[in-house]
N, C-alpha and C. Protein backbone atom coordinates (compact mmCIF):
# COMPACT_ATOMS: atom_id res chain seq x y z
N UNK A 1 18.99 58.73 -25.96
CA UNK A 1 19.24 59.19 -24.61
C UNK A 1 20.13 58.17 -23.90
N UNK A 2 21.22 58.63 -23.35
CA UNK A 2 22.19 57.76 -22.69
C UNK A 2 21.61 57.10 -21.44
N UNK A 3 20.89 57.84 -20.64
CA UNK A 3 20.34 57.31 -19.39
C UNK A 3 19.33 56.19 -19.68
N UNK A 4 18.51 56.35 -20.68
CA UNK A 4 17.54 55.31 -21.05
C UNK A 4 18.25 54.05 -21.51
N UNK A 5 19.30 54.20 -22.30
CA UNK A 5 20.07 53.04 -22.77
C UNK A 5 20.71 52.31 -21.58
N UNK A 6 21.22 53.06 -20.62
CA UNK A 6 21.82 52.47 -19.43
C UNK A 6 20.78 51.69 -18.62
N UNK A 7 19.60 52.24 -18.49
CA UNK A 7 18.52 51.55 -17.77
C UNK A 7 18.13 50.26 -18.48
N UNK A 8 18.02 50.30 -19.80
CA UNK A 8 17.69 49.10 -20.56
C UNK A 8 18.76 48.01 -20.40
N UNK A 9 20.01 48.40 -20.40
CA UNK A 9 21.10 47.44 -20.21
C UNK A 9 21.03 46.81 -18.83
N UNK A 10 20.78 47.63 -17.81
CA UNK A 10 20.67 47.11 -16.44
C UNK A 10 19.49 46.15 -16.29
N UNK A 11 18.37 46.48 -16.90
CA UNK A 11 17.20 45.60 -16.85
C UNK A 11 17.50 44.29 -17.55
N UNK A 12 18.15 44.34 -18.69
CA UNK A 12 18.52 43.12 -19.42
C UNK A 12 19.46 42.26 -18.60
N UNK A 13 20.41 42.87 -17.92
CA UNK A 13 21.33 42.12 -17.05
C UNK A 13 20.58 41.46 -15.90
N UNK A 14 19.64 42.17 -15.31
CA UNK A 14 18.85 41.58 -14.23
C UNK A 14 18.05 40.38 -14.71
N UNK A 15 17.44 40.49 -15.87
CA UNK A 15 16.69 39.35 -16.42
C UNK A 15 17.61 38.16 -16.67
N UNK A 16 18.80 38.42 -17.21
CA UNK A 16 19.74 37.33 -17.47
C UNK A 16 20.16 36.65 -16.18
N UNK A 17 20.44 37.43 -15.15
CA UNK A 17 20.81 36.85 -13.86
C UNK A 17 19.66 36.06 -13.26
N UNK A 18 18.46 36.56 -13.39
CA UNK A 18 17.28 35.88 -12.85
C UNK A 18 17.06 34.54 -13.55
N UNK A 19 17.20 34.51 -14.87
CA UNK A 19 16.99 33.28 -15.64
C UNK A 19 18.08 32.25 -15.37
N UNK A 20 19.28 32.68 -15.11
CA UNK A 20 20.39 31.77 -14.83
C UNK A 20 20.20 31.02 -13.53
N UNK A 21 19.65 31.71 -12.57
CA UNK A 21 19.43 31.12 -11.26
C UNK A 21 18.36 30.04 -11.40
N UNK A 22 18.66 28.84 -11.00
CA UNK A 22 17.73 27.72 -11.15
C UNK A 22 16.56 27.82 -10.19
N UNK A 23 15.60 26.94 -10.41
CA UNK A 23 14.44 26.89 -9.53
C UNK A 23 14.86 26.37 -8.16
N UNK A 24 14.29 26.95 -7.14
CA UNK A 24 14.61 26.57 -5.78
C UNK A 24 13.63 25.50 -5.32
N UNK A 25 14.15 24.45 -4.69
CA UNK A 25 13.30 23.39 -4.16
C UNK A 25 12.88 23.76 -2.75
N UNK A 26 11.58 23.74 -2.53
CA UNK A 26 11.02 24.09 -1.22
C UNK A 26 10.41 22.84 -0.61
N UNK A 27 10.74 22.60 0.64
CA UNK A 27 10.22 21.43 1.36
C UNK A 27 8.85 21.78 1.95
N UNK A 28 7.88 20.90 1.73
CA UNK A 28 6.54 21.09 2.25
C UNK A 28 6.14 19.82 3.00
N UNK A 29 5.64 19.97 4.23
CA UNK A 29 5.27 18.83 5.06
C UNK A 29 3.86 19.06 5.61
N UNK A 30 3.01 18.04 5.50
CA UNK A 30 1.67 18.09 6.07
C UNK A 30 1.73 17.40 7.43
N UNK A 31 1.41 18.15 8.50
CA UNK A 31 1.47 17.61 9.86
C UNK A 31 0.07 17.59 10.47
N UNK A 32 -0.02 17.19 11.73
CA UNK A 32 -1.31 17.17 12.43
C UNK A 32 -1.79 18.57 12.82
N UNK A 33 -0.87 19.53 12.88
CA UNK A 33 -1.26 20.89 13.29
C UNK A 33 -1.37 21.87 12.13
N UNK A 34 -0.75 21.54 11.00
CA UNK A 34 -0.80 22.45 9.87
C UNK A 34 0.11 21.99 8.75
N UNK A 35 0.40 22.92 7.88
CA UNK A 35 1.25 22.63 6.72
C UNK A 35 2.50 23.49 6.84
N UNK A 36 3.65 22.85 6.81
CA UNK A 36 4.93 23.55 6.91
C UNK A 36 5.48 23.73 5.51
N UNK A 37 5.70 24.99 5.15
CA UNK A 37 6.24 25.32 3.83
C UNK A 37 7.51 26.13 4.04
N UNK A 38 8.64 25.49 3.76
CA UNK A 38 9.94 26.17 3.86
C UNK A 38 10.11 26.87 5.21
N UNK A 39 9.94 26.13 6.29
CA UNK A 39 10.12 26.58 7.68
C UNK A 39 9.02 27.51 8.18
N UNK A 40 7.98 27.74 7.41
CA UNK A 40 6.84 28.55 7.85
C UNK A 40 5.65 27.63 8.04
N UNK A 41 5.07 27.65 9.24
CA UNK A 41 3.92 26.78 9.49
C UNK A 41 2.62 27.55 9.25
N UNK A 42 1.73 26.93 8.51
CA UNK A 42 0.40 27.48 8.27
C UNK A 42 -0.57 26.56 9.00
N UNK A 43 -1.10 27.03 10.13
CA UNK A 43 -1.99 26.19 10.94
C UNK A 43 -3.33 26.01 10.25
N UNK A 44 -3.93 24.85 10.48
CA UNK A 44 -5.22 24.55 9.85
C UNK A 44 -6.28 25.57 10.23
N UNK A 45 -6.22 26.08 11.45
CA UNK A 45 -7.23 27.06 11.88
C UNK A 45 -7.13 28.38 11.10
N UNK A 46 -5.97 28.62 10.47
CA UNK A 46 -5.76 29.85 9.70
C UNK A 46 -6.08 29.67 8.21
N UNK A 47 -6.42 28.45 7.81
CA UNK A 47 -6.69 28.14 6.40
C UNK A 47 -8.19 27.93 6.22
N UNK A 48 -8.77 28.57 5.23
CA UNK A 48 -10.21 28.44 4.95
C UNK A 48 -10.54 27.10 4.30
N UNK A 49 -9.86 26.81 3.19
CA UNK A 49 -10.10 25.56 2.47
C UNK A 49 -8.90 25.27 1.57
N UNK A 50 -8.99 24.14 0.88
CA UNK A 50 -7.94 23.76 -0.05
C UNK A 50 -8.57 23.20 -1.32
N UNK A 51 -7.77 23.16 -2.35
CA UNK A 51 -8.17 22.45 -3.56
C UNK A 51 -6.93 21.98 -4.28
N UNK A 52 -7.09 20.86 -4.98
CA UNK A 52 -5.99 20.28 -5.73
C UNK A 52 -6.36 20.31 -7.21
N UNK A 53 -5.48 20.87 -8.01
CA UNK A 53 -5.66 20.86 -9.45
C UNK A 53 -4.59 19.91 -10.00
N UNK A 54 -5.04 18.80 -10.55
CA UNK A 54 -4.12 17.78 -11.04
C UNK A 54 -4.48 17.44 -12.48
N UNK A 55 -3.73 18.02 -13.40
CA UNK A 55 -3.89 17.79 -14.83
C UNK A 55 -2.51 17.52 -15.42
N UNK A 56 -1.97 16.32 -15.13
CA UNK A 56 -0.59 16.04 -15.56
C UNK A 56 -0.49 15.99 -17.08
N UNK A 57 0.64 16.31 -17.62
CA UNK A 57 1.89 16.69 -16.97
C UNK A 57 2.03 18.19 -16.75
N UNK A 58 0.99 18.95 -17.10
CA UNK A 58 1.12 20.41 -17.06
C UNK A 58 0.89 20.99 -15.67
N UNK A 59 -0.23 20.66 -15.04
CA UNK A 59 -0.60 21.29 -13.77
C UNK A 59 -0.72 20.24 -12.67
N UNK A 60 0.05 20.43 -11.60
CA UNK A 60 -0.01 19.57 -10.43
C UNK A 60 0.19 20.48 -9.22
N UNK A 61 -0.92 21.07 -8.71
CA UNK A 61 -0.79 22.08 -7.66
C UNK A 61 -1.82 21.92 -6.56
N UNK A 62 -1.41 22.33 -5.38
CA UNK A 62 -2.28 22.40 -4.21
C UNK A 62 -2.46 23.88 -3.90
N UNK A 63 -3.73 24.29 -3.73
CA UNK A 63 -4.03 25.69 -3.42
C UNK A 63 -4.64 25.76 -2.02
N UNK A 64 -4.11 26.65 -1.20
CA UNK A 64 -4.64 26.89 0.13
C UNK A 64 -5.22 28.30 0.17
N UNK A 65 -6.47 28.41 0.64
CA UNK A 65 -7.12 29.72 0.74
C UNK A 65 -7.16 30.17 2.20
N UNK A 66 -6.99 31.45 2.41
CA UNK A 66 -6.99 32.03 3.75
C UNK A 66 -8.17 32.99 3.88
N UNK A 67 -8.69 33.19 5.10
CA UNK A 67 -9.87 34.04 5.26
C UNK A 67 -9.61 35.52 4.99
N UNK A 68 -8.40 35.97 5.18
CA UNK A 68 -8.08 37.38 5.01
C UNK A 68 -7.91 37.73 3.54
N UNK A 69 -8.53 38.83 3.12
CA UNK A 69 -8.37 39.29 1.75
C UNK A 69 -6.96 39.83 1.50
N UNK A 70 -6.27 40.19 2.58
CA UNK A 70 -4.91 40.72 2.45
C UNK A 70 -3.88 39.62 2.27
N UNK A 71 -4.27 38.40 2.57
CA UNK A 71 -3.35 37.28 2.46
C UNK A 71 -3.72 36.46 1.22
N UNK A 72 -2.85 36.46 0.21
CA UNK A 72 -3.19 35.75 -1.03
C UNK A 72 -3.18 34.25 -0.85
N UNK A 73 -3.80 33.55 -1.79
CA UNK A 73 -3.81 32.09 -1.71
C UNK A 73 -2.38 31.59 -1.85
N UNK A 74 -2.13 30.45 -1.26
CA UNK A 74 -0.81 29.84 -1.30
C UNK A 74 -0.85 28.70 -2.32
N UNK A 75 0.06 28.72 -3.27
CA UNK A 75 0.13 27.70 -4.31
C UNK A 75 1.35 26.84 -4.06
N UNK A 76 1.14 25.54 -3.98
CA UNK A 76 2.22 24.60 -3.72
C UNK A 76 2.24 23.57 -4.84
N UNK A 77 3.36 23.44 -5.50
CA UNK A 77 3.51 22.41 -6.54
C UNK A 77 3.66 21.05 -5.88
N UNK A 78 2.90 20.07 -6.34
CA UNK A 78 2.96 18.75 -5.69
C UNK A 78 3.82 17.76 -6.47
N UNK A 79 4.35 18.16 -7.60
CA UNK A 79 5.31 17.37 -8.39
C UNK A 79 4.88 15.92 -8.53
N UNK A 80 5.67 14.99 -8.00
CA UNK A 80 5.41 13.56 -8.18
C UNK A 80 4.65 12.93 -7.02
N UNK A 81 4.08 13.74 -6.14
CA UNK A 81 3.33 13.21 -5.00
C UNK A 81 1.95 12.74 -5.46
N UNK A 82 1.38 11.81 -4.73
CA UNK A 82 0.07 11.28 -5.04
C UNK A 82 -1.01 12.24 -4.55
N UNK A 83 -1.80 12.84 -5.45
CA UNK A 83 -2.81 13.82 -5.02
C UNK A 83 -3.93 13.20 -4.18
N UNK A 84 -4.20 11.92 -4.35
CA UNK A 84 -5.24 11.25 -3.57
C UNK A 84 -4.81 11.16 -2.10
N UNK A 85 -3.56 10.84 -1.86
CA UNK A 85 -3.04 10.77 -0.49
C UNK A 85 -3.06 12.15 0.16
N UNK A 86 -2.65 13.16 -0.59
CA UNK A 86 -2.66 14.54 -0.08
C UNK A 86 -4.08 14.96 0.27
N UNK A 87 -5.02 14.68 -0.62
CA UNK A 87 -6.43 15.03 -0.39
C UNK A 87 -6.97 14.36 0.88
N UNK A 88 -6.69 13.08 1.05
CA UNK A 88 -7.17 12.36 2.24
C UNK A 88 -6.59 12.93 3.52
N UNK A 89 -5.32 13.29 3.49
CA UNK A 89 -4.69 13.86 4.68
C UNK A 89 -5.29 15.23 5.02
N UNK A 90 -5.52 16.06 4.01
CA UNK A 90 -6.04 17.40 4.27
C UNK A 90 -7.53 17.39 4.62
N UNK A 91 -8.30 16.42 4.09
CA UNK A 91 -9.73 16.36 4.39
C UNK A 91 -10.00 16.07 5.86
N UNK A 92 -9.03 15.56 6.59
CA UNK A 92 -9.18 15.33 8.02
C UNK A 92 -9.26 16.64 8.79
N UNK A 93 -8.70 17.71 8.22
CA UNK A 93 -8.58 18.98 8.94
C UNK A 93 -9.25 20.16 8.24
N UNK A 94 -9.42 20.08 6.91
CA UNK A 94 -9.92 21.22 6.13
C UNK A 94 -11.05 20.78 5.21
N UNK A 95 -11.82 21.76 4.75
CA UNK A 95 -12.84 21.47 3.74
C UNK A 95 -12.21 21.70 2.37
N UNK A 96 -12.67 20.91 1.42
CA UNK A 96 -12.16 21.01 0.06
C UNK A 96 -13.09 21.90 -0.77
N UNK A 97 -12.51 22.79 -1.54
CA UNK A 97 -13.28 23.66 -2.43
C UNK A 97 -13.58 22.88 -3.70
N UNK A 98 -14.80 22.35 -3.79
CA UNK A 98 -15.18 21.54 -4.94
C UNK A 98 -15.82 22.35 -6.06
N UNK A 99 -16.11 23.62 -5.79
CA UNK A 99 -16.77 24.46 -6.79
C UNK A 99 -15.81 24.99 -7.85
N UNK A 100 -14.60 25.30 -7.44
CA UNK A 100 -13.62 25.86 -8.37
C UNK A 100 -13.08 24.77 -9.28
N UNK A 101 -12.94 25.08 -10.54
CA UNK A 101 -12.42 24.11 -11.51
C UNK A 101 -11.18 24.68 -12.18
N UNK A 102 -10.21 23.86 -12.37
CA UNK A 102 -8.99 24.27 -13.05
C UNK A 102 -8.16 25.23 -12.22
N UNK A 103 -7.04 25.63 -12.79
CA UNK A 103 -6.17 26.55 -12.07
C UNK A 103 -6.65 27.99 -12.26
N UNK A 104 -6.33 28.87 -11.32
CA UNK A 104 -6.74 30.27 -11.46
C UNK A 104 -6.11 30.91 -12.70
N UNK A 105 -6.78 31.93 -13.21
CA UNK A 105 -6.32 32.62 -14.41
C UNK A 105 -4.91 33.18 -14.23
N UNK A 106 -4.63 33.71 -13.04
CA UNK A 106 -3.29 34.29 -12.81
C UNK A 106 -2.21 33.22 -12.93
N UNK A 107 -2.47 32.01 -12.46
CA UNK A 107 -1.49 30.93 -12.58
C UNK A 107 -1.35 30.46 -14.03
N UNK A 108 -2.46 30.43 -14.75
CA UNK A 108 -2.42 30.03 -16.16
C UNK A 108 -1.57 31.02 -16.96
N UNK A 109 -1.80 32.31 -16.74
CA UNK A 109 -1.02 33.33 -17.45
C UNK A 109 0.46 33.29 -17.06
N UNK A 110 0.73 33.06 -15.78
CA UNK A 110 2.12 32.95 -15.33
C UNK A 110 2.82 31.77 -15.99
N UNK A 111 2.12 30.67 -16.12
CA UNK A 111 2.69 29.48 -16.74
C UNK A 111 2.92 29.71 -18.24
N UNK A 112 1.95 30.33 -18.90
CA UNK A 112 2.07 30.56 -20.35
C UNK A 112 3.20 31.53 -20.66
N UNK A 113 3.29 32.62 -19.90
CA UNK A 113 4.30 33.63 -20.16
C UNK A 113 5.58 33.40 -19.37
N UNK A 114 5.63 32.28 -18.63
CA UNK A 114 6.82 31.87 -17.87
C UNK A 114 7.28 32.96 -16.92
N UNK A 115 6.34 33.49 -16.15
CA UNK A 115 6.68 34.54 -15.18
C UNK A 115 7.06 33.93 -13.85
């Protein structure tokens, strides 16, 4: 079928263009009023809790949970930042989720399949 072949070619081109585009660097700043992620401020009063998963060199992430079920958790890569300093800064304003261990299954699958 010609139409199916055309769709497959277009999908392949989209994947190639997506892979060519490099990873975007996003600036994240922890302030006294909240966390600024790429010009969007997330106020501490809007965040339920946080947790840091630090298993170098594979996983280095900060997770922010929100009270609304409609708002998904926010995952922030902490790269070469010191997780102890980040934890101390956030503990002044938020509670830490100490019950959860490791990264969420969705993040593990995304990392394994490079999504």
